[in-house]
Amino acid sequence: AARTREVVMPALVEKCFGSARAGTKAQAIELSLQYVEVENS
């Protein structure tokens, strides 16, 4: 899934981190952490 990171993560920064919904923000943060965790280089 790491190869999709450069397309998805900018969208999280732009559209999700600043969400007024706590659940949306929490899921965006968790998704970012998952991308960091699965990276193998």
PDB file of all heavy atoms in Angstrom:
ATOM      1  N   ALA A   1       0.810  -1.214   0.000  1.00  0.00           N
ATOM      2  CA  ALA A   1       0.000   0.000   0.000  1.00  0.00           C
ATOM      3  C   ALA A   1       0.843   1.263   0.000  1.00  0.00           C
ATOM      4  O   ALA A   1       0.335   2.353  -0.268  1.00  0.00           O
ATOM      5  CB  ALA A   1      -0.924   0.013   1.219  1.00  0.00           C
ATOM      6  N   ALA A   2       2.148   1.126   0.294  1.00  0.00           N
ATOM      7  CA  ALA A   2       3.009   2.304   0.431  1.00  0.00           C
ATOM      8  C   ALA A   2       3.067   3.130  -0.848  1.00  0.00           C
ATOM      9  O   ALA A   2       3.223   4.346  -0.802  1.00  0.00           O
ATOM     10  CB  ALA A   2       4.414   1.877   0.850  1.00  0.00           C
ATOM     11  N   ARG A   3       2.929   2.478  -1.992  1.00  0.00           N
ATOM     12  CA  ARG A   3       3.036   3.204  -3.260  1.00  0.00           C
ATOM     13  C   ARG A   3       1.864   4.174  -3.469  1.00  0.00           C
ATOM     14  O   ARG A   3       1.928   5.034  -4.362  1.00  0.00           O
ATOM     15  CB  ARG A   3       3.134   2.227  -4.424  1.00  0.00           C
ATOM     16  CG  ARG A   3       1.853   1.469  -4.738  1.00  0.00           C
ATOM     17  CD  ARG A   3       2.034   0.424  -5.811  1.00  0.00           C
ATOM     18  NE  ARG A   3       2.802  -0.725  -5.357  1.00  0.00           N
ATOM     19  CZ  ARG A   3       2.990  -1.819  -6.082  1.00  0.00           C
ATOM     20  NH1 ARG A   3       2.510  -1.895  -7.305  1.00  0.00           N
ATOM     21  NH2 ARG A   3       3.668  -2.833  -5.586  1.00  0.00           N
ATOM     22  N   THR A   4       0.796   4.037  -2.706  1.00  0.00           N
ATOM     23  CA  THR A   4      -0.345   4.957  -2.830  1.00  0.00           C
ATOM     24  C   THR A   4      -0.208   6.165  -1.917  1.00  0.00           C
ATOM     25  O   THR A   4      -1.007   7.101  -1.989  1.00  0.00           O
ATOM     26  CB  THR A   4      -1.665   4.237  -2.481  1.00  0.00           C
ATOM     27  OG1 THR A   4      -1.677   3.893  -1.081  1.00  0.00           O
ATOM     28  CG2 THR A   4      -1.823   2.962  -3.294  1.00  0.00           C
ATOM     29  N   ARG A   5       0.813   6.144  -1.090  1.00  0.00           N
ATOM     30  CA  ARG A   5       1.000   7.168  -0.055  1.00  0.00           C
ATOM     31  C   ARG A   5       1.069   8.587  -0.613  1.00  0.00           C
ATOM     32  O   ARG A   5       0.437   9.512  -0.101  1.00  0.00           O
ATOM     33  CB  ARG A   5       2.294   6.836   0.687  1.00  0.00           C
ATOM     34  CG  ARG A   5       2.795   7.850   1.678  1.00  0.00           C
ATOM     35  CD  ARG A   5       4.270   7.597   1.949  1.00  0.00           C
ATOM     36  NE  ARG A   5       5.028   7.673   0.707  1.00  0.00           N
ATOM     37  CZ  ARG A   5       6.037   6.879   0.399  1.00  0.00           C
ATOM     38  NH1 ARG A   5       6.428   5.939   1.228  1.00  0.00           N
ATOM     39  NH2 ARG A   5       6.684   7.036  -0.746  1.00  0.00           N
ATOM     40  N   GLU A   6       1.848   8.780  -1.683  1.00  0.00           N
ATOM     41  CA  GLU A   6       2.079  10.130  -2.185  1.00  0.00           C
ATOM     42  C   GLU A   6       0.837  10.748  -2.813  1.00  0.00           C
ATOM     43  O   GLU A   6       0.780  11.967  -2.989  1.00  0.00           O
ATOM     44  CB  GLU A   6       3.235  10.119  -3.180  1.00  0.00           C
ATOM     45  CG  GLU A   6       4.574   9.784  -2.524  1.00  0.00           C
ATOM     46  CD  GLU A   6       5.735   9.841  -3.500  1.00  0.00           C
ATOM     47  OE1 GLU A   6       5.876  10.860  -4.188  1.00  0.00           O
ATOM     48  OE2 GLU A   6       6.487   8.863  -3.574  1.00  0.00           O
ATOM     49  N   VAL A   7      -0.148   9.937  -3.141  1.00  0.00           N
ATOM     50  CA  VAL A   7      -1.418  10.456  -3.657  1.00  0.00           C
ATOM     51  C   VAL A   7      -2.394  10.725  -2.520  1.00  0.00           C
ATOM     52  O   VAL A   7      -3.089  11.749  -2.506  1.00  0.00           O
ATOM     53  CB  VAL A   7      -2.045   9.464  -4.666  1.00  0.00           C
ATOM     54  CG1 VAL A   7      -3.438   9.929  -5.096  1.00  0.00           C
ATOM     55  CG2 VAL A   7      -1.144   9.316  -5.878  1.00  0.00           C
ATOM     56  N   VAL A   8      -2.418   9.841  -1.539  1.00  0.00           N
ATOM     57  CA  VAL A   8      -3.430   9.923  -0.479  1.00  0.00           C
ATOM     58  C   VAL A   8      -3.056  10.913   0.618  1.00  0.00           C
ATOM     59  O   VAL A   8      -3.896  11.705   1.066  1.00  0.00           O
ATOM     60  CB  VAL A   8      -3.669   8.527   0.139  1.00  0.00           C
ATOM     61  CG1 VAL A   8      -4.652   8.623   1.304  1.00  0.00           C
ATOM     62  CG2 VAL A   8      -4.200   7.565  -0.922  1.00  0.00           C
ATOM     63  N   MET A   9      -1.799  10.919   1.049  1.00  0.00           N
ATOM     64  CA  MET A   9      -1.448  11.717   2.217  1.00  0.00           C
ATOM     65  C   MET A   9      -1.605  13.229   2.029  1.00  0.00           C
ATOM     66  O   MET A   9      -2.037  13.919   2.952  1.00  0.00           O
ATOM     67  CB  MET A   9      -0.047  11.356   2.700  1.00  0.00           C
ATOM     68  CG  MET A   9      -0.020   9.976   3.364  1.00  0.00           C
ATOM     69  SD  MET A   9       1.590   9.458   4.004  1.00  0.00           S
ATOM     70  CE  MET A   9       1.781  10.553   5.387  1.00  0.00           C
ATOM     71  N   PRO A  10      -1.296  13.797   0.865  1.00  0.00           N
ATOM     72  CA  PRO A  10      -1.584  15.224   0.694  1.00  0.00           C
ATOM     73  C   PRO A  10      -3.071  15.546   0.845  1.00  0.00           C
ATOM     74  O   PRO A  10      -3.434  16.619   1.326  1.00  0.00           O
ATOM     75  CB  PRO A  10      -1.093  15.509  -0.736  1.00  0.00           C
ATOM     76  CG  PRO A  10      -0.049  14.488  -0.985  1.00  0.00           C
ATOM     77  CD  PRO A  10      -0.540  13.250  -0.289  1.00  0.00           C
ATOM     78  N   ALA A  11      -3.926  14.610   0.437  1.00  0.00           N
ATOM     79  CA  ALA A  11      -5.369  14.814   0.604  1.00  0.00           C
ATOM     80  C   ALA A  11      -5.756  14.826   2.071  1.00  0.00           C
ATOM     81  O   ALA A  11      -6.656  15.569   2.481  1.00  0.00           O
ATOM     82  CB  ALA A  11      -6.140  13.720  -0.136  1.00  0.00           C
ATOM     83  N   LEU A  12      -5.070  14.031   2.881  1.00  0.00           N
ATOM     84  CA  LEU A  12      -5.336  14.030   4.315  1.00  0.00           C
ATOM     85  C   LEU A  12      -4.972  15.381   4.915  1.00  0.00           C
ATOM     86  O   LEU A  12      -5.710  15.936   5.742  1.00  0.00           O
ATOM     87  CB  LEU A  12      -4.541  12.925   5.011  1.00  0.00           C
ATOM     88  CG  LEU A  12      -4.761  11.488   4.552  1.00  0.00           C
ATOM     89  CD1 LEU A  12      -3.945  10.533   5.416  1.00  0.00           C
ATOM     90  CD2 LEU A  12      -6.238  11.123   4.614  1.00  0.00           C
ATOM     91  N   VAL A  13      -3.821  15.907   4.514  1.00  0.00           N
ATOM     92  CA  VAL A  13      -3.375  17.197   5.024  1.00  0.00           C
ATOM     93  C   VAL A  13      -4.369  18.290   4.641  1.00  0.00           C
ATOM     94  O   VAL A  13      -4.729  19.140   5.450  1.00  0.00           O
ATOM     95  CB  VAL A  13      -1.977  17.534   4.473  1.00  0.00           C
ATOM     96  CG1 VAL A  13      -1.579  18.962   4.825  1.00  0.00           C
ATOM     97  CG2 VAL A  13      -0.944  16.553   5.030  1.00  0.00           C
ATOM     98  N   GLU A  14      -4.826  18.248   3.399  1.00  0.00           N
ATOM     99  CA  GLU A  14      -5.674  19.325   2.878  1.00  0.00           C
ATOM    100  C   GLU A  14      -7.125  19.221   3.344  1.00  0.00           C
ATOM    101  O   GLU A  14      -7.755  20.247   3.648  1.00  0.00           O
ATOM    102  CB  GLU A  14      -5.630  19.316   1.352  1.00  0.00           C
ATOM    103  CG  GLU A  14      -6.436  20.440   0.712  1.00  0.00           C
ATOM    104  CD  GLU A  14      -6.353  20.420  -0.807  1.00  0.00           C
ATOM    105  OE1 GLU A  14      -5.594  19.596  -1.357  1.00  0.00           O
ATOM    106  OE2 GLU A  14      -7.051  21.237  -1.443  1.00  0.00           O
ATOM    107  N   LYS A  15      -7.647  18.001   3.409  1.00  0.00           N
ATOM    108  CA  LYS A  15      -9.094  17.852   3.594  1.00  0.00           C
ATOM    109  C   LYS A  15      -9.520  17.173   4.891  1.00  0.00           C
ATOM    110  O   LYS A  15     -10.709  17.196   5.220  1.00  0.00           O
ATOM    111  CB  LYS A  15      -9.676  17.037   2.428  1.00  0.00           C
ATOM    112  CG  LYS A  15      -9.517  17.686   1.068  1.00  0.00           C
ATOM    113  CD  LYS A  15     -10.364  18.945   0.944  1.00  0.00           C
ATOM    114  CE  LYS A  15     -10.310  19.498  -0.472  1.00  0.00           C
ATOM    115  NZ  LYS A  15     -11.125  20.742  -0.610  1.00  0.00           N
ATOM    116  N   CYS A  16      -8.583  16.575   5.624  1.00  0.00           N
ATOM    117  CA  CYS A  16      -9.001  15.740   6.755  1.00  0.00           C
ATOM    118  C   CYS A  16      -8.483  16.204   8.108  1.00  0.00           C
ATOM    119  O   CYS A  16      -9.224  16.176   9.089  1.00  0.00           O
ATOM    120  CB  CYS A  16      -8.568  14.290   6.528  1.00  0.00           C
ATOM    121  SG  CYS A  16      -9.198  13.579   4.986  1.00  0.00           S
ATOM    122  N   PHE A  17      -7.221  16.622   8.189  1.00  0.00           N
ATOM    123  CA  PHE A  17      -6.668  17.006   9.485  1.00  0.00           C
ATOM    124  C   PHE A  17      -7.427  18.157  10.120  1.00  0.00           C
ATOM    125  O   PHE A  17      -7.515  18.262  11.335  1.00  0.00           O
ATOM    126  CB  PHE A  17      -5.196  17.383   9.343  1.00  0.00           C
ATOM    127  CG  PHE A  17      -4.275  16.211   9.178  1.00  0.00           C
ATOM    128  CD1 PHE A  17      -2.967  16.396   8.772  1.00  0.00           C
ATOM    129  CD2 PHE A  17      -4.709  14.919   9.414  1.00  0.00           C
ATOM    130  CE1 PHE A  17      -2.103  15.321   8.619  1.00  0.00           C
ATOM    131  CE2 PHE A  17      -3.861  13.832   9.261  1.00  0.00           C
ATOM    132  CZ  PHE A  17      -2.558  14.034   8.866  1.00  0.00           C
ATOM    133  N   GLY A  18      -7.964  19.039   9.298  1.00  0.00           N
ATOM    134  CA  GLY A  18      -8.682  20.196   9.815  1.00  0.00           C
ATOM    135  C   GLY A  18     -10.178  20.001   9.932  1.00  0.00           C
ATOM    136  O   GLY A  18     -10.920  20.960  10.170  1.00  0.00           O
ATOM    137  N   SER A  19     -10.643  18.772   9.793  1.00  0.00           N
ATOM    138  CA  SER A  19     -12.079  18.500   9.839  1.00  0.00           C
ATOM    139  C   SER A  19     -12.682  18.862  11.198  1.00  0.00           C
ATOM    140  O   SER A  19     -12.043  18.714  12.245  1.00  0.00           O
ATOM    141  CB  SER A  19     -12.339  17.019   9.557  1.00  0.00           C
ATOM    142  OG  SER A  19     -13.705  16.694   9.734  1.00  0.00           O
ATOM    143  N   ALA A  20     -13.919  19.327  11.159  1.00  0.00           N
ATOM    144  CA  ALA A  20     -14.631  19.633  12.395  1.00  0.00           C
ATOM    145  C   ALA A  20     -15.114  18.364  13.085  1.00  0.00           C
ATOM    146  O   ALA A  20     -15.471  18.394  14.266  1.00  0.00           O
ATOM    147  CB  ALA A  20     -15.825  20.544  12.096  1.00  0.00           C
ATOM    148  N   ARG A  21     -15.113  17.251  12.375  1.00  0.00           N
ATOM    149  CA  ARG A  21     -15.542  15.975  12.946  1.00  0.00           C
ATOM    150  C   ARG A  21     -14.356  15.279  13.610  1.00  0.00           C
ATOM    151  O   ARG A  21     -13.347  14.983  12.960  1.00  0.00           O
ATOM    152  CB  ARG A  21     -16.136  15.068  11.860  1.00  0.00           C
ATOM    153  CG  ARG A  21     -17.456  15.563  11.294  1.00  0.00           C
ATOM    154  CD  ARG A  21     -17.939  14.623  10.193  1.00  0.00           C
ATOM    155  NE  ARG A  21     -18.275  13.302  10.705  1.00  0.00           N
ATOM    156  CZ  ARG A  21     -19.490  12.948  11.137  1.00  0.00           C
ATOM    157  NH1 ARG A  21     -20.477  13.832  11.119  1.00  0.00           N
ATOM    158  NH2 ARG A  21     -19.715  11.711  11.572  1.00  0.00           N
ATOM    159  N   ALA A  22     -14.491  15.031  14.897  1.00  0.00           N
ATOM    160  CA  ALA A  22     -13.405  14.399  15.641  1.00  0.00           C
ATOM    161  C   ALA A  22     -13.072  13.021  15.071  1.00  0.00           C
ATOM    162  O   ALA A  22     -11.906  12.633  14.990  1.00  0.00           O
ATOM    163  CB  ALA A  22     -13.780  14.287  17.120  1.00  0.00           C
ATOM    164  N   GLY A  23     -14.093  12.280  14.655  1.00  0.00           N
ATOM    165  CA  GLY A  23     -13.869  10.948  14.109  1.00  0.00           C
ATOM    166  C   GLY A  23     -13.087  10.981  12.812  1.00  0.00           C
ATOM    167  O   GLY A  23     -12.223  10.139  12.575  1.00  0.00           O
ATOM    168  N   THR A  24     -13.383  11.963  11.964  1.00  0.00           N
ATOM    169  CA  THR A  24     -12.663  12.104  10.701  1.00  0.00           C
ATOM    170  C   THR A  24     -11.198  12.425  10.954  1.00  0.00           C
ATOM    171  O   THR A  24     -10.299  11.832  10.353  1.00  0.00           O
ATOM    172  CB  THR A  24     -13.306  13.219   9.851  1.00  0.00           C
ATOM    173  OG1 THR A  24     -14.646  12.837   9.525  1.00  0.00           O
ATOM    174  CG2 THR A  24     -12.524  13.450   8.562  1.00  0.00           C
ATOM    175  N   LYS A  25     -10.950  13.359  11.847  1.00  0.00           N
ATOM    176  CA  LYS A  25      -9.572  13.731  12.163  1.00  0.00           C
ATOM    177  C   LYS A  25      -8.812  12.543  12.750  1.00  0.00           C
ATOM    178  O   LYS A  25      -7.657  12.287  12.387  1.00  0.00           O
ATOM    179  CB  LYS A  25      -9.567  14.904  13.138  1.00  0.00           C
ATOM    180  CG  LYS A  25      -8.196  15.495  13.398  1.00  0.00           C
ATOM    181  CD  LYS A  25      -8.275  16.667  14.368  1.00  0.00           C
ATOM    182  CE  LYS A  25      -9.057  17.809  13.797  1.00  0.00           C
ATOM    183  NZ  LYS A  25      -9.043  18.991  14.696  1.00  0.00           N
ATOM    184  N   ALA A  26      -9.465  11.815  13.642  1.00  0.00           N
ATOM    185  CA  ALA A  26      -8.809  10.662  14.271  1.00  0.00           C
ATOM    186  C   ALA A  26      -8.468   9.587  13.245  1.00  0.00           C
ATOM    187  O   ALA A  26      -7.388   8.996  13.277  1.00  0.00           O
ATOM    188  CB  ALA A  26      -9.703  10.086  15.371  1.00  0.00           C
ATOM    189  N   GLN A  27      -9.387   9.330  12.316  1.00  0.00           N
ATOM    190  CA  GLN A  27      -9.129   8.326  11.291  1.00  0.00           C
ATOM    191  C   GLN A  27      -8.009   8.779  10.346  1.00  0.00           C
ATOM    192  O   GLN A  27      -7.188   7.965   9.902  1.00  0.00           O
ATOM    193  CB  GLN A  27     -10.400   8.046  10.486  1.00  0.00           C
ATOM    194  CG  GLN A  27     -11.495   7.328  11.237  1.00  0.00           C
ATOM    195  CD  GLN A  27     -11.162   5.865  11.529  1.00  0.00           C
ATOM    196  OE1 GLN A  27     -10.190   5.313  11.020  1.00  0.00           O
ATOM    197  NE2 GLN A  27     -11.971   5.229  12.360  1.00  0.00           N
ATOM    198  N   ALA A  28      -7.960  10.077  10.034  1.00  0.00           N
ATOM    199  CA  ALA A  28      -6.900  10.598   9.170  1.00  0.00           C
ATOM    200  C   ALA A  28      -5.536  10.439   9.831  1.00  0.00           C
ATOM    201  O   ALA A  28      -4.546  10.074   9.177  1.00  0.00           O
ATOM    202  CB  ALA A  28      -7.169  12.064   8.843  1.00  0.00           C
ATOM    203  N   ILE A  29      -5.474  10.717  11.113  1.00  0.00           N
ATOM    204  CA  ILE A  29      -4.220  10.557  11.849  1.00  0.00           C
ATOM    205  C   ILE A  29      -3.813   9.096  11.885  1.00  0.00           C
ATOM    206  O   ILE A  29      -2.644   8.750  11.654  1.00  0.00           O
ATOM    207  CB  ILE A  29      -4.372  11.129  13.276  1.00  0.00           C
ATOM    208  CG1 ILE A  29      -4.492  12.657  13.206  1.00  0.00           C
ATOM    209  CG2 ILE A  29      -3.198  10.722  14.169  1.00  0.00           C
ATOM    210  CD1 ILE A  29      -4.927  13.300  14.505  1.00  0.00           C
ATOM    211  N   GLU A  30      -4.771   8.218  12.142  1.00  0.00           N
ATOM    212  CA  GLU A  30      -4.471   6.792  12.179  1.00  0.00           C
ATOM    213  C   GLU A  30      -4.000   6.292  10.816  1.00  0.00           C
ATOM    214  O   GLU A  30      -3.070   5.476  10.724  1.00  0.00           O
ATOM    215  CB  GLU A  30      -5.709   6.007  12.618  1.00  0.00           C
ATOM    216  CG  GLU A  30      -5.489   4.516  12.771  1.00  0.00           C
ATOM    217  CD  GLU A  30      -4.420   4.169  13.801  1.00  0.00           C
ATOM    218  OE1 GLU A  30      -4.285   4.931  14.788  1.00  0.00           O
ATOM    219  OE2 GLU A  30      -3.724   3.158  13.610  1.00  0.00           O
ATOM    220  N   LEU A  31      -4.612   6.794   9.753  1.00  0.00           N
ATOM    221  CA  LEU A  31      -4.204   6.399   8.410  1.00  0.00           C
ATOM    222  C   LEU A  31      -2.766   6.838   8.125  1.00  0.00           C
ATOM    223  O   LEU A  31      -1.971   6.079   7.556  1.00  0.00           O
ATOM    224  CB  LEU A  31      -5.160   7.002   7.375  1.00  0.00           C
ATOM    225  CG  LEU A  31      -4.858   6.724   5.905  1.00  0.00           C
ATOM    226  CD1 LEU A  31      -4.760   5.232   5.629  1.00  0.00           C
ATOM    227  CD2 LEU A  31      -5.924   7.360   5.018  1.00  0.00           C
ATOM    228  N   SER A  32      -2.414   8.050   8.536  1.00  0.00           N
ATOM    229  CA  SER A  32      -1.046   8.530   8.348  1.00  0.00           C
ATOM    230  C   SER A  32      -0.058   7.653   9.097  1.00  0.00           C
ATOM    231  O   SER A  32       1.011   7.314   8.583  1.00  0.00           O
ATOM    232  CB  SER A  32      -0.932   9.978   8.831  1.00  0.00           C
ATOM    233  OG  SER A  32      -1.808  10.816   8.119  1.00  0.00           O
ATOM    234  N   LEU A  33      -0.403   7.281  10.316  1.00  0.00           N
ATOM    235  CA  LEU A  33       0.458   6.402  11.109  1.00  0.00           C
ATOM    236  C   LEU A  33       0.613   5.041  10.442  1.00  0.00           C
ATOM    237  O   LEU A  33       1.700   4.453  10.448  1.00  0.00           O
ATOM    238  CB  LEU A  33      -0.121   6.238  12.518  1.00  0.00           C
ATOM    239  CG  LEU A  33      -0.043   7.466  13.419  1.00  0.00           C
ATOM    240  CD1 LEU A  33      -0.893   7.264  14.664  1.00  0.00           C
ATOM    241  CD2 LEU A  33       1.397   7.758  13.812  1.00  0.00           C
ATOM    242  N   GLN A  34      -0.463   4.543   9.853  1.00  0.00           N
ATOM    243  CA  GLN A  34      -0.396   3.262   9.161  1.00  0.00           C
ATOM    244  C   GLN A  34       0.555   3.338   7.969  1.00  0.00           C
ATOM    245  O   GLN A  34       1.337   2.412   7.720  1.00  0.00           O
ATOM    246  CB  GLN A  34      -1.791   2.833   8.695  1.00  0.00           C
ATOM    247  CG  GLN A  34      -2.717   2.352   9.792  1.00  0.00           C
ATOM    248  CD  GLN A  34      -2.279   1.031  10.398  1.00  0.00           C
ATOM    249  OE1 GLN A  34      -1.618   0.220   9.758  1.00  0.00           O
ATOM    250  NE2 GLN A  34      -2.652   0.810  11.643  1.00  0.00           N
ATOM    251  N   TYR A  35       0.506   4.446   7.230  1.00  0.00           N
ATOM    252  CA  TYR A  35       1.407   4.606   6.097  1.00  0.00           C
ATOM    253  C   TYR A  35       2.865   4.616   6.540  1.00  0.00           C
ATOM    254  O   TYR A  35       3.732   4.041   5.882  1.00  0.00           O
ATOM    255  CB  TYR A  35       1.094   5.898   5.342  1.00  0.00           C
ATOM    256  CG  TYR A  35       0.100   5.733   4.213  1.00  0.00           C
ATOM    257  CD1 TYR A  35      -1.117   6.400   4.222  1.00  0.00           C
ATOM    258  CD2 TYR A  35       0.386   4.912   3.125  1.00  0.00           C
ATOM    259  CE1 TYR A  35      -2.034   6.258   3.192  1.00  0.00           C
ATOM    260  CE2 TYR A  35      -0.519   4.759   2.082  1.00  0.00           C
ATOM    261  CZ  TYR A  35      -1.727   5.432   2.124  1.00  0.00           C
ATOM    262  OH  TYR A  35      -2.631   5.279   1.095  1.00  0.00           O
ATOM    263  N   VAL A  36       3.152   5.279   7.661  1.00  0.00           N
ATOM    264  CA  VAL A  36       4.517   5.291   8.178  1.00  0.00           C
ATOM    265  C   VAL A  36       4.924   3.892   8.629  1.00  0.00           C
ATOM    266  O   VAL A  36       6.038   3.430   8.387  1.00  0.00           O
ATOM    267  CB  VAL A  36       4.651   6.297   9.337  1.00  0.00           C
ATOM    268  CG1 VAL A  36       6.028   6.187   9.994  1.00  0.00           C
ATOM    269  CG2 VAL A  36       4.422   7.723   8.847  1.00  0.00           C
ATOM    270  N   GLU A  37       3.993   3.195   9.266  1.00  0.00           N
ATOM    271  CA  GLU A  37       4.308   1.881   9.836  1.00  0.00           C
ATOM    272  C   GLU A  37       4.617   0.835   8.772  1.00  0.00           C
ATOM    273  O   GLU A  37       5.492  -0.016   8.963  1.00  0.00           O
ATOM    274  CB  GLU A  37       3.155   1.408  10.715  1.00  0.00           C
ATOM    275  CG  GLU A  37       3.424   0.089  11.419  1.00  0.00           C
ATOM    276  CD  GLU A  37       2.375  -0.238  12.464  1.00  0.00           C
ATOM    277  OE1 GLU A  37       1.595   0.664  12.825  1.00  0.00           O
ATOM    278  OE2 GLU A  37       2.343  -1.385  12.912  1.00  0.00           O
ATOM    279  N   VAL A  38       3.897   0.871   7.647  1.00  0.00           N
ATOM    280  CA  VAL A  38       4.082  -0.183   6.647  1.00  0.00           C
ATOM    281  C   VAL A  38       5.269   0.083   5.731  1.00  0.00           C
ATOM    282  O   VAL A  38       5.676  -0.807   4.992  1.00  0.00           O
ATOM    283  CB  VAL A  38       2.824  -0.381   5.769  1.00  0.00           C
ATOM    284  CG1 VAL A  38       1.621  -0.738   6.628  1.00  0.00           C
ATOM    285  CG2 VAL A  38       2.523   0.854   4.918  1.00  0.00           C
ATOM    286  N   GLU A  39       5.826   1.298   5.787  1.00  0.00           N
ATOM    287  CA  GLU A  39       6.958   1.617   4.916  1.00  0.00           C
ATOM    288  C   GLU A  39       8.180   0.805   5.330  1.00  0.00           C
ATOM    289  O   GLU A  39       8.454   0.632   6.509  1.00  0.00           O
ATOM    290  CB  GLU A  39       7.272   3.120   4.992  1.00  0.00           C
ATOM    291  CG  GLU A  39       8.351   3.565   4.034  1.00  0.00           C
ATOM    292  CD  GLU A  39       8.009   3.223   2.597  1.00  0.00           C
ATOM    293  OE1 GLU A  39       7.036   3.763   2.061  1.00  0.00           O
ATOM    294  OE2 GLU A  39       8.733   2.382   2.027  1.00  0.00           O
ATOM    295  N   ASN A  40       8.920   0.319   4.346  1.00  0.00           N
ATOM    296  CA  ASN A  40      10.033  -0.578   4.632  1.00  0.00           C
ATOM    297  C   ASN A  40      11.364  -0.059   4.096  1.00  0.00           C
ATOM    298  O   ASN A  40      12.268  -0.817   3.808  1.00  0.00           O
ATOM    299  CB  ASN A  40       9.768  -1.968   4.040  1.00  0.00           C
ATOM    300  CG  ASN A  40      10.670  -3.032   4.648  1.00  0.00           C
ATOM    301  OD1 ASN A  40      11.050  -2.940   5.808  1.00  0.00           O
ATOM    302  ND2 ASN A  40      11.017  -4.026   3.854  1.00  0.00           N
ATOM    303  N   SER A  41      11.466   1.273   3.952  1.00  0.00           N
ATOM    304  CA  SER A  41      12.747   1.849   3.548  1.00  0.00           C
ATOM    305  C   SER A  41      12.898   3.201   4.203  1.00  0.00           C
ATOM    306  O   SER A  41      11.929   3.909   4.449  1.00  0.00           O
ATOM    307  CB  SER A  41      12.839   2.009   2.029  1.00  0.00           C
ATOM    308  OG  SER A  41      11.979   3.034   1.586  1.00  0.00           O
TER     309      SER A  41
END
